[in-house]
Protein backbone atom coordinates (compact mmCIF):
# COMPACT_ATOMS: atom_id res chain seq x y z
CA MET A 1 79.43 139.07 107.19
CA ASN A 2 82.64 139.29 109.09
CA GLY A 3 83.07 137.83 112.59
CA ASN A 4 82.24 141.02 114.41
CA GLU A 5 79.05 141.66 112.39
CA GLU A 6 78.05 138.03 112.84
CA GLN A 7 78.39 138.31 116.62
CA ARG A 8 76.38 141.55 116.69
CA CYS A 9 73.73 139.92 114.54
CA LEU A 10 73.54 136.85 116.80
CA ALA A 11 73.38 138.99 119.94
CA ALA A 12 70.58 141.14 118.46
CA VAL A 13 68.56 138.13 117.38
CA ASN A 14 69.07 136.46 120.79
CA GLU A 15 67.76 139.57 122.48
CA ALA A 16 64.61 139.57 120.29
CA LEU A 17 64.04 135.81 121.00
CA GLN A 18 64.45 136.42 124.76
CA VAL A 19 61.42 138.71 124.59
CA ILE A 20 59.10 136.53 122.46
CA GLY A 21 60.58 133.17 123.24
CA SER A 22 58.02 132.16 125.89
CA LYS A 23 54.73 130.55 125.08
CA TRP A 24 52.55 133.56 125.98
CA ALA A 25 54.72 136.59 125.14
CA PHE A 26 53.47 136.93 121.59
CA HIS A 27 49.89 136.73 122.74
CA VAL A 28 50.34 139.36 125.49
CA ILE A 29 52.07 141.75 123.10
CA ALA A 30 49.33 141.25 120.53
CA GLN A 31 46.55 141.93 123.09
CA LEU A 32 48.24 145.06 124.41
CA TYR A 33 49.04 146.43 120.98
CA TYR A 34 45.66 148.05 120.46
CA ARG A 35 44.82 149.09 124.00
CA SER A 36 45.95 149.03 127.59
CA GLN A 37 44.38 146.38 129.81
CA ARG A 38 44.11 145.54 133.44
CA PHE A 39 45.37 142.18 134.61
CA ASN A 40 41.98 140.36 134.68
CA GLN A 41 40.96 141.86 131.34
CA LEU A 42 44.17 140.59 129.83
CA ARG A 43 43.70 137.15 131.47
CA ARG A 44 40.17 136.83 130.02
CA SER A 45 41.43 137.95 126.60
CA LEU A 46 44.02 135.22 126.63
CA GLY A 47 41.68 132.40 127.54
CA ASN A 48 43.37 129.56 129.36
CA ILE A 49 46.48 131.27 130.73
CA SER A 50 47.12 130.69 134.45
CA ILE A 51 47.45 133.62 136.84
CA LYS A 52 51.07 132.59 137.55
CA SER A 53 51.98 132.32 133.88
CA LEU A 54 50.49 135.74 133.12
CA THR A 55 52.21 137.30 136.15
CA ASP A 56 55.55 135.79 135.05
CA ILE A 57 55.30 136.89 131.42
CA LEU A 58 54.26 140.39 132.41
CA ARG A 59 57.21 140.71 134.76
CA GLN A 60 59.58 139.44 132.01
CA LEU A 61 58.17 141.83 129.46
CA GLU A 62 58.41 144.66 131.96
CA GLN A 63 62.11 143.81 132.64
CA HIS A 64 62.75 143.96 128.85
CA GLN A 65 60.97 147.33 128.74
CA ILE A 66 58.29 145.99 126.39
CA VAL A 67 55.39 146.46 128.84
CA HIS A 68 54.71 149.40 131.12
CA ARG A 69 52.89 148.70 134.43
CA GLN A 70 50.96 151.64 135.83
CA VAL A 71 49.52 151.47 139.31
CA PHE A 72 46.48 153.62 140.21
CA PRO A 73 46.01 154.55 143.85
CA THR A 74 42.41 153.38 144.08
CA ILE A 75 40.84 151.10 146.64
CA PRO A 76 41.50 148.36 145.78
CA VAL A 77 44.64 149.26 143.78
CA SER A 78 44.23 149.05 140.04
CA VAL A 79 47.09 148.08 137.78
CA GLU A 80 47.06 148.68 133.96
CA TYR A 81 49.45 147.28 131.47
CA SER A 82 50.39 148.86 128.13
CA LEU A 83 53.10 148.55 125.54
CA THR A 84 56.02 150.88 125.63
CA GLU A 85 57.33 152.37 122.35
CA LYS A 86 59.87 149.57 122.31
CA GLY A 87 57.01 147.10 122.69
CA LYS A 88 55.04 148.64 119.87
CA GLU A 89 58.00 148.18 117.55
CA TYR A 90 57.56 144.47 117.92
CA ARG A 91 54.60 144.69 115.55
CA SER A 92 56.92 144.78 112.55
CA VAL A 93 58.81 141.79 113.89
CA LEU A 94 55.57 139.84 114.43
CA LEU A 95 54.24 140.76 110.98
CA GLN A 96 57.47 139.52 109.36
CA MET A 97 57.13 136.25 111.27
CA ARG A 98 53.51 136.02 110.08
CA GLU A 99 54.59 136.52 106.45
CA TRP A 100 57.24 133.86 106.81
CA GLY A 101 54.82 131.44 108.44
CA GLU A 102 52.17 132.02 105.77
CA LYS A 103 54.66 131.60 102.95
CA TRP A 104 56.08 128.35 104.30
CA ASN A 105 52.94 127.15 106.15
CA GLY A 106 54.71 124.25 107.83
CA ASP A 107 55.73 122.68 104.49
CA PRO A 108 59.41 121.78 104.67
CA ASN A 109 59.44 121.17 100.92
CA LYS A 110 58.70 124.76 99.85
């Protein structure tokens, strides 16, 4: 790789890591991959995540255009979260990470 290609590669990988670099991002993306969920549904699905942590990660994923937030004008207001097309493309990234993890399984000698 020449210097320009290397810089583009590093920038692209850094962008991907910004999206999934937090503790809960992977879990939120995985939960939303198969269906849209409201906030409390998502919180229950994730187990022991705090309200603040879930709020923060959803905002971050929304800023990166991974998650779409849709507000329904009901009383009280309902909000539903789903993955954007960009978010759905993370499946292939996560599957590659899974394959790598299964192959090496924490063994530094492999």
